[in-house]
Protein backbone atom coordinates (compact mmCIF):
# COMPACT_ATOMS: atom_id res chain seq x y z
CA MET A 1 0.00 0.00 0.00
CA ILE A 2 2.89 2.34 0.72
CA ARG A 3 4.23 1.67 -2.76
CA ILE A 4 0.87 2.58 -4.29
CA ALA A 5 0.75 5.78 -2.19
CA ILE A 6 4.18 6.83 -3.39
CA LYS A 7 3.25 6.14 -7.02
CA MET A 8 0.15 8.30 -6.57
CA LEU A 9 2.29 11.10 -5.13
CA VAL A 10 5.13 11.01 -7.64
CA GLY A 11 2.76 10.40 -10.56
CA ASP A 12 1.46 13.95 -10.33
CA LYS A 13 4.83 15.57 -11.07
CA LEU A 14 3.65 19.18 -10.95
CA LYS A 15 2.06 18.93 -7.51
CA TYR A 16 4.92 16.78 -6.22
CA MET A 17 7.54 19.29 -7.32
CA GLY A 18 5.47 22.13 -5.87
CA LEU A 19 5.25 20.34 -2.51
CA VAL A 20 8.99 19.66 -2.43
CA ALA A 21 9.82 23.25 -3.45
CA GLY A 22 7.57 24.74 -0.75
CA ILE A 23 8.98 22.52 1.97
CA SER A 24 12.55 23.16 0.78
CA PHE A 25 12.01 26.90 1.06
CA ALA A 26 10.59 26.52 4.56
CA ALA A 27 13.52 24.32 5.61
CA LEU A 28 15.97 26.82 4.12
CA LEU A 29 14.46 29.64 6.17
CA ILE A 30 14.46 27.66 9.40
CA VAL A 31 18.01 26.32 9.06
CA GLN A 32 19.70 29.41 7.62
CA GLN A 33 18.08 32.01 9.84
CA GLY A 34 18.54 29.81 12.89
CA SER A 35 22.23 29.35 12.07
CA ILE A 36 22.77 33.10 11.61
CA LEU A 37 21.08 33.80 14.94
CA ILE A 38 23.25 31.21 16.69
CA GLY A 39 26.32 32.64 14.95
CA LEU A 40 25.56 36.16 16.12
CA THR A 41 24.87 34.89 19.64
CA HIS A 42 28.20 33.05 19.64
CA GLN A 43 30.05 36.15 18.46
CA THR A 44 28.75 38.27 21.36
CA GLY A 45 30.92 36.26 23.76
CA SER A 46 34.01 35.83 21.60
CA PHE A 47 36.18 38.18 23.68
CA ILE A 48 35.35 36.27 26.88
CA ARG A 49 35.66 32.89 25.19
CA ASP A 50 39.15 33.70 23.90
CA MET A 51 40.34 34.61 27.39
CA THR A 52 40.65 31.16 28.96
CA GLN A 53 43.30 31.67 31.65
CA ALA A 54 40.99 33.00 34.36
CA ASP A 55 38.14 31.22 36.14
CA LEU A 56 36.29 34.33 37.31
CA TRP A 57 35.67 37.88 36.18
CA VAL A 58 35.19 40.32 39.06
CA MET A 59 33.17 43.36 37.98
CA ASP A 60 30.63 45.94 39.00
CA PRO A 61 27.19 44.30 39.43
CA GLN A 62 25.70 46.74 36.91
CA ILE A 63 27.87 45.45 34.05
CA ARG A 64 25.44 44.31 31.33
CA PHE A 65 27.76 42.92 28.63
CA SER A 66 31.44 42.36 27.92
CA GLN A 67 32.11 45.81 26.41
CA ASP A 68 30.28 47.68 29.15
CA SER A 69 32.59 49.93 31.18
CA ILE A 70 32.04 50.57 34.89
CA PRO A 71 35.43 50.97 36.66
CA LEU A 72 36.37 49.49 40.02
CA THR A 73 38.34 51.08 42.85
CA ASP A 74 42.07 50.37 42.99
CA GLY A 75 41.60 48.71 46.37
CA THR A 76 39.58 45.89 44.81
CA LEU A 77 42.64 44.11 43.42
CA PRO A 78 44.58 43.59 46.72
CA ARG A 79 41.35 42.61 48.51
CA VAL A 80 40.61 39.89 45.96
CA ARG A 81 44.21 38.66 45.97
CA GLY A 82 44.06 38.14 49.71
CA MET A 83 40.93 35.97 49.72
CA GLU A 84 40.99 32.26 50.43
CA GLY A 85 41.10 30.06 47.35
CA VAL A 86 42.48 32.75 45.01
CA ASP A 87 45.61 31.55 43.19
CA TRP A 88 46.21 34.85 41.37
CA ALA A 89 44.30 37.99 40.44
CA VAL A 90 45.28 40.55 37.80
CA PRO A 91 43.73 43.84 36.62
CA MET A 92 42.33 44.53 33.18
CA TYR A 93 41.50 47.85 31.54
CA GLN A 94 38.94 48.12 28.76
CA GLY A 95 37.67 51.24 27.04
CA PHE A 96 36.58 52.79 23.77
CA LEU A 97 39.18 55.32 22.55
CA ARG A 98 39.75 57.26 19.35
CA SER A 99 42.77 56.50 17.23
CA ARG A 100 44.30 58.32 14.28
CA LEU A 101 46.30 56.61 11.57
CA PRO A 102 49.40 58.27 10.04
CA ASP A 103 47.36 59.70 7.13
CA GLY A 104 44.77 61.23 9.49
CA THR A 105 42.14 58.46 9.20
CA ARG A 106 40.08 58.23 12.40
CA GLN A 107 39.10 54.91 13.92
CA THR A 108 37.45 54.05 17.24
CA VAL A 109 39.17 51.11 18.95
CA ILE A 110 38.54 48.96 22.00
CA LEU A 111 41.71 49.33 24.05
CA ILE A 112 42.57 46.40 26.33
CA GLY A 113 45.19 46.84 29.06
CA LEU A 114 46.84 43.64 30.32
CA ASP A 115 48.66 43.13 33.58
CA ASP A 116 52.21 44.45 33.05
CA ALA A 117 53.93 41.56 34.85
CA THR A 118 52.05 38.55 33.48
CA LEU A 119 50.23 39.82 30.35
CA ILE A 120 47.37 37.48 31.30
CA GLY A 121 44.28 37.97 29.12
CA GLY A 122 46.19 38.52 25.89
CA PRO A 123 44.98 37.48 22.42
CA PRO A 124 44.65 33.73 21.83
CA GLU A 125 46.92 33.50 18.77
CA MET A 126 49.78 35.74 17.66
CA TYR A 127 50.25 36.25 13.90
CA GLU A 128 53.27 38.57 13.83
CA GLY A 129 55.53 39.28 16.77
CA ALA A 130 55.11 37.97 20.31
CA LEU A 131 52.92 38.90 23.25
CA THR A 132 56.00 39.88 25.26
CA ASP A 133 56.73 42.60 22.68
CA LEU A 134 54.09 44.65 24.53
CA ARG A 135 56.80 45.46 27.07
CA GLU A 136 58.53 47.63 24.48
CA ASP A 137 58.04 51.39 24.65
CA LYS A 138 54.67 52.56 23.22
CA ALA A 139 53.85 49.03 22.05
CA VAL A 140 50.39 47.83 20.97
CA LEU A 141 48.99 44.78 19.16
CA ILE A 142 46.27 45.04 16.52
CA ASN A 143 43.99 42.47 14.93
CA GLN A 144 45.44 40.96 11.76
CA ASP A 145 42.00 40.30 10.27
CA ALA A 146 40.99 43.95 10.82
CA LEU A 147 44.03 45.46 9.11
CA ALA A 148 42.56 45.66 5.62
CA SER A 149 39.15 46.94 6.70
CA LYS A 150 39.58 48.95 9.92
CA PHE A 151 43.18 50.19 9.64
CA ARG A 152 43.18 51.11 5.94
CA PHE A 153 44.37 54.54 4.90
CA LYS A 154 41.89 56.95 3.31
CA ARG A 155 43.50 57.26 -0.09
CA ALA A 156 42.60 54.36 -2.39
CA GLY A 157 45.49 52.01 -2.99
CA SER A 158 47.63 53.52 -0.21
CA GLY A 159 47.54 50.36 1.91
CA HIS A 160 46.96 49.84 5.61
CA MET A 161 48.75 49.69 8.94
CA LYS A 162 51.48 47.09 9.44
CA VAL A 163 53.99 46.05 12.08
CA GLY A 164 56.47 48.84 12.77
CA ASP A 165 54.03 51.66 11.94
CA THR A 166 52.97 54.27 14.46
CA MET A 167 49.56 55.83 15.12
CA ASP A 168 47.92 57.96 17.77
CA ILE A 169 45.49 56.79 20.44
CA ASN A 170 43.82 59.66 22.27
CA ASP A 171 46.45 61.96 20.69
CA ARG A 172 49.36 59.92 22.07
CA GLU A 173 51.73 58.01 19.86
CA VAL A 174 51.84 54.22 19.95
CA LYS A 175 53.78 51.69 17.87
CA VAL A 176 52.39 48.50 16.34
CA VAL A 177 54.76 45.71 17.42
CA GLY A 178 52.66 42.73 16.38
CA THR A 179 49.37 41.40 15.10
CA TYR A 180 47.09 38.67 16.42
CA ARG A 181 44.12 36.57 15.41
CA ALA A 182 41.00 36.05 17.48
CA SER A 183 37.46 34.79 17.11
CA LYS A 184 35.23 37.08 15.08
CA SER A 185 33.45 39.49 17.39
CA PHE A 186 29.91 40.84 17.28
CA PHE A 187 31.28 44.31 18.04
CA TRP A 188 32.68 46.02 14.95
CA GLU A 189 35.33 48.21 16.63
CA PRO A 190 38.79 46.59 16.37
CA THR A 191 40.45 45.52 19.62
CA VAL A 192 43.93 46.85 20.44
CA TYR A 193 46.03 45.31 23.21
CA THR A 194 48.68 46.98 25.35
CA THR A 195 49.88 46.85 28.95
CA TYR A 196 47.65 47.97 31.81
CA SER A 197 49.84 50.91 32.85
CA ARG A 198 50.13 52.14 29.26
CA ALA A 199 46.36 51.79 28.70
CA VAL A 200 45.70 53.92 31.80
CA SER A 201 48.12 56.58 30.56
CA LEU A 202 46.48 56.62 27.11
CA ALA A 203 42.93 56.84 28.44
CA PRO A 204 41.36 60.07 29.67
CA ALA A 205 42.31 60.72 33.30
CA GLU A 206 39.77 59.26 35.76
CA ARG A 207 39.80 58.52 39.46
CA LYS A 208 39.07 54.85 38.77
CA SER A 209 40.49 53.01 35.75
CA MET A 210 40.35 49.23 36.38
CA ASN A 211 37.35 47.56 34.71
CA TYR A 212 37.86 43.91 35.64
CA VAL A 213 39.85 41.72 37.97
CA LEU A 214 40.66 38.33 36.45
CA VAL A 215 40.86 35.56 39.04
CA LYS A 216 42.34 32.07 38.94
CA VAL A 217 41.10 29.66 41.61
CA LYS A 218 43.61 27.49 43.45
CA PRO A 219 43.55 23.76 42.67
CA GLY A 220 41.41 21.92 45.19
CA HIS A 221 39.03 24.85 45.75
CA ALA A 222 35.57 24.95 44.21
CA ILE A 223 35.05 27.86 41.84
CA VAL A 224 31.54 28.45 43.18
CA ASP A 225 32.83 28.75 46.75
CA VAL A 226 35.47 31.33 45.79
CA GLN A 227 32.86 33.12 43.71
CA ARG A 228 30.49 33.44 46.68
CA THR A 229 33.32 34.58 48.96
CA ILE A 230 34.36 37.37 46.59
CA GLU A 231 30.79 38.57 46.15
CA ALA A 232 30.06 38.48 49.88
CA GLN A 233 33.21 40.37 50.91
CA THR A 234 33.39 42.94 48.10
CA GLY A 235 29.77 43.51 47.08
CA LEU A 236 30.85 43.01 43.47
CA SER A 237 29.87 40.36 40.95
CA ALA A 238 32.20 37.43 40.28
CA ARG A 239 31.12 35.66 37.11
CA THR A 240 32.46 32.59 35.38
CA ASN A 241 33.22 32.71 31.67
CA LYS A 242 29.97 30.87 30.94
CA GLU A 243 27.90 33.24 33.07
CA PHE A 244 29.52 36.33 31.57
CA ILE A 245 28.97 35.01 28.05
CA GLY A 246 25.34 34.30 28.96
CA ILE A 247 24.48 37.76 30.27
CA THR A 248 26.30 39.38 27.34
CA ALA A 249 24.33 37.36 24.78
CA ALA A 250 21.04 37.95 26.60
CA TYR A 251 21.58 41.71 26.74
CA ILE A 252 22.65 42.05 23.11
CA LEU A 253 19.81 39.91 21.78
CA LYS A 254 17.24 41.76 23.85
CA GLU A 255 18.42 45.33 23.32
CA THR A 256 19.16 45.08 19.60
CA GLY A 257 15.97 43.21 18.66
CA ILE A 258 18.01 40.52 16.90
CA LEU A 259 16.21 37.71 18.70
CA VAL A 260 12.74 38.97 17.74
CA ASN A 261 13.70 39.54 14.10
CA PHE A 262 15.27 36.14 13.58
CA ALA A 263 12.55 34.39 15.59
CA MET A 264 10.02 35.94 13.23
CA ALA A 265 12.00 34.69 10.24
CA VAL A 266 12.19 31.15 11.64
CA GLY A 267 8.51 31.28 12.56
CA LEU A 268 7.72 32.48 9.03
CA GLY A 269 9.57 29.46 7.68
CA PHE A 270 7.48 27.14 9.83
CA LEU A 271 4.28 28.96 8.80
CA VAL A 272 5.18 28.82 5.11
CA GLY A 273 5.93 25.12 5.41
CA ALA A 274 2.62 24.43 7.16
CA LEU A 275 0.49 26.53 4.80
CA VAL A 276 2.13 25.50 1.54
CA SER A 277 2.33 21.81 2.37
CA GLY A 278 -1.15 21.88 3.89
CA GLN A 279 -2.77 23.54 0.89
CA MET A 280 -1.03 21.39 -1.68
CA LEU A 281 -1.49 18.13 0.23
CA TYR A 282 -5.16 18.92 0.68
CA ASN A 283 -5.58 19.66 -3.03
CA PHE A 284 -3.64 16.52 -3.87
CA THR A 285 -5.95 14.48 -1.67
CA LEU A 286 -9.07 16.00 -3.25
CA ASP A 287 -7.78 15.16 -6.72
CA ASN A 288 -7.22 11.55 -5.66
CA LEU A 289 -10.42 10.98 -3.68
CA ARG A 290 -11.75 8.65 -6.36
CA TYR A 291 -8.74 6.39 -5.92
CA TYR A 292 -9.10 6.34 -2.15
CA GLY A 293 -12.80 5.64 -2.63
CA THR A 294 -11.97 2.73 -4.93
CA LEU A 295 -9.60 1.30 -2.37
CA LYS A 296 -12.25 1.65 0.33
CA ALA A 297 -14.79 -0.09 -1.88
CA MET A 298 -12.30 -2.92 -2.36
CA GLY A 299 -12.11 -3.37 1.41
CA THR A 300 -9.07 -1.30 2.35
CA SER A 301 -9.29 -0.33 6.03
CA ASN A 302 -9.04 3.22 7.36
CA ALA A 303 -5.80 2.26 9.10
CA ARG A 304 -4.18 1.37 5.77
CA LEU A 305 -5.41 4.61 4.22
CA CYS A 306 -3.88 6.51 7.13
CA ILE A 307 -0.57 4.77 6.50
CA MET A 308 -0.75 5.73 2.83
CA VAL A 309 -1.36 9.42 3.50
CA LEU A 310 1.26 9.59 6.25
CA SER A 311 3.83 7.86 4.04
CA GLN A 312 3.23 10.53 1.38
CA CYS A 313 3.71 13.26 4.00
CA LEU A 314 6.93 11.71 5.28
CA LEU A 315 8.34 11.29 1.78
CA VAL A 316 7.83 14.92 0.74
CA SER A 317 9.07 16.13 4.13
CA PHE A 318 12.31 14.11 3.91
CA VAL A 319 13.01 15.06 0.29
CA GLY A 320 12.07 18.71 0.78
CA TYR A 321 14.02 19.04 4.01
CA GLY A 322 17.09 17.39 2.51
CA ILE A 323 17.13 19.88 -0.36
CA GLY A 324 16.45 22.83 1.96
CA LEU A 325 19.18 21.75 4.39
CA GLY A 326 21.68 21.39 1.56
CA LEU A 327 20.86 24.84 0.23
CA GLY A 328 21.07 26.26 3.74
CA VAL A 329 24.55 24.81 4.27
CA LEU A 330 25.69 26.05 0.86
CA LEU A 331 24.41 29.57 1.46
CA GLY A 332 25.89 29.44 4.95
CA GLN A 333 29.32 28.73 3.51
CA LEU A 334 28.95 31.71 1.19
CA VAL A 335 27.81 33.91 4.08
CA GLY A 336 30.66 32.68 6.27
CA ASN A 337 33.25 33.33 3.57
CA ALA A 338 31.89 36.87 3.30
CA GLY A 339 32.63 37.41 6.99
CA LEU A 340 29.08 37.23 8.30
CA ALA A 341 27.92 35.18 11.27
CA PHE A 342 26.90 31.59 10.56
CA LEU A 343 27.08 28.69 12.99
CA MET A 344 25.17 25.43 12.65
CA PRO A 345 25.47 23.17 15.70
CA TRP A 346 24.55 19.51 15.36
CA TRP A 347 21.16 19.93 17.02
CA LEU A 348 19.85 22.65 14.69
CA PRO A 349 19.32 20.37 11.64
CA LEU A 350 17.66 17.88 14.00
CA VAL A 351 15.26 20.51 15.36
CA GLY A 352 14.62 21.84 11.86
CA GLY A 353 13.89 18.35 10.56
CA VAL A 354 11.42 17.68 13.36
CA ALA A 355 9.70 21.00 12.65
CA ILE A 356 9.34 20.22 8.94
CA VAL A 357 8.02 16.71 9.62
CA LEU A 358 5.49 18.14 12.06
CA CYS A 359 4.39 20.67 9.44
CA CYS A 360 3.79 17.94 6.90
CA LEU A 361 2.07 15.60 9.36
CA LEU A 362 -0.16 18.43 10.52
CA ALA A 363 -1.06 19.22 6.93
CA GLY A 364 -1.58 15.56 6.16
CA GLY A 365 -3.89 15.26 9.14
CA PHE A 366 -6.36 17.74 7.62
CA SER A 367 -6.39 15.94 4.29
CA LEU A 368 -6.69 12.60 6.06
CA ILE A 369 -9.96 13.72 7.67
CA ARG A 370 -11.48 14.03 4.19
CA VAL A 371 -10.27 10.56 3.27
CA LEU A 372 -11.66 8.94 6.41
CA ARG A 373 -15.06 10.57 5.90
CA LEU A 374 -15.22 9.44 2.29
CA GLU A 375 -18.10 7.14 1.32
CA PRO A 376 -17.02 4.37 -1.10
CA ALA A 377 -20.31 4.70 -2.98
CA ILE A 378 -19.21 8.09 -4.32
CA VAL A 379 -16.91 6.27 -6.71
CA PHE A 380 -19.80 4.65 -8.53
CA LYS A 381 -21.98 7.76 -8.89
CA SER A 382 -22.44 9.09 -12.40
């Protein structure tokens, strides 16, 4: 009976191709838009994710995301260092400053100041030079991937910044001693690294300059216990990398409207799949009522007819979803190569596949009602 059902479905090539095309488009929307949303969400925490040396980030409780800037008092660092279970604690400066390239081009940068002694919190991968080169006079590191786009000179064909060049940050000269590579960030301003003391001297003068204290927990001590101790004794927030990434992603998705926009796109894909497949499956069933009636008149049970209709739904859902998933992956590769966010974890195709199958089964259920209510005698009328 399943073989007969498939022959009925494939035999009407126009309706079959229309069903597959509609479901493929719905699958493409669900998979591609979902992957872009996950990619953007992943990028919001790239700066935190790349900094793996520390177990905790100590910060002001009002910090909402990783690039938020609420400075701490200088006394915070020695207090945290003296707490039980703390192996080491180092300061970090972070701020948005204006830079000027040698030809006068202006560029806002995120300046990161690392502990002078240890340089903990530096970029994950050096491309040119070494992290220790930051100890040279006026030294900074810039992102290799941002050179051509963010540190390009105004005049066409005049090139971009490179190692050995100088530029101004907040009207003070610095020298590029190396370049690095890091995960692509959601924030478009390029990140520049230097030492903590130099970052403080480059930034506008303020009474408080330290944004974070990075903490490593001693072996044998539970991170959660040290976290609670720091929060209880300082009144500040001590967040793990995972927690900090979580609040950053939640804030960005909520405040920018990204979550709502992409959720609407994914929902539209589900709606398109349900409506298109439902309409076409229903029309297909109406066109083939005489065949179902003939089968009923020959003694075919309702259970077998249900199996036939459901097998047709499953076939078009699998074929349509396979094509849509393939197109989604292909377009994702093109989007990724263009530098845009695209990340497809293993569970997204699974969730998308379940959604498409549910769409088709839901649509098939409506057409199945007409089949089950069919009177066999209708076949012999006129």
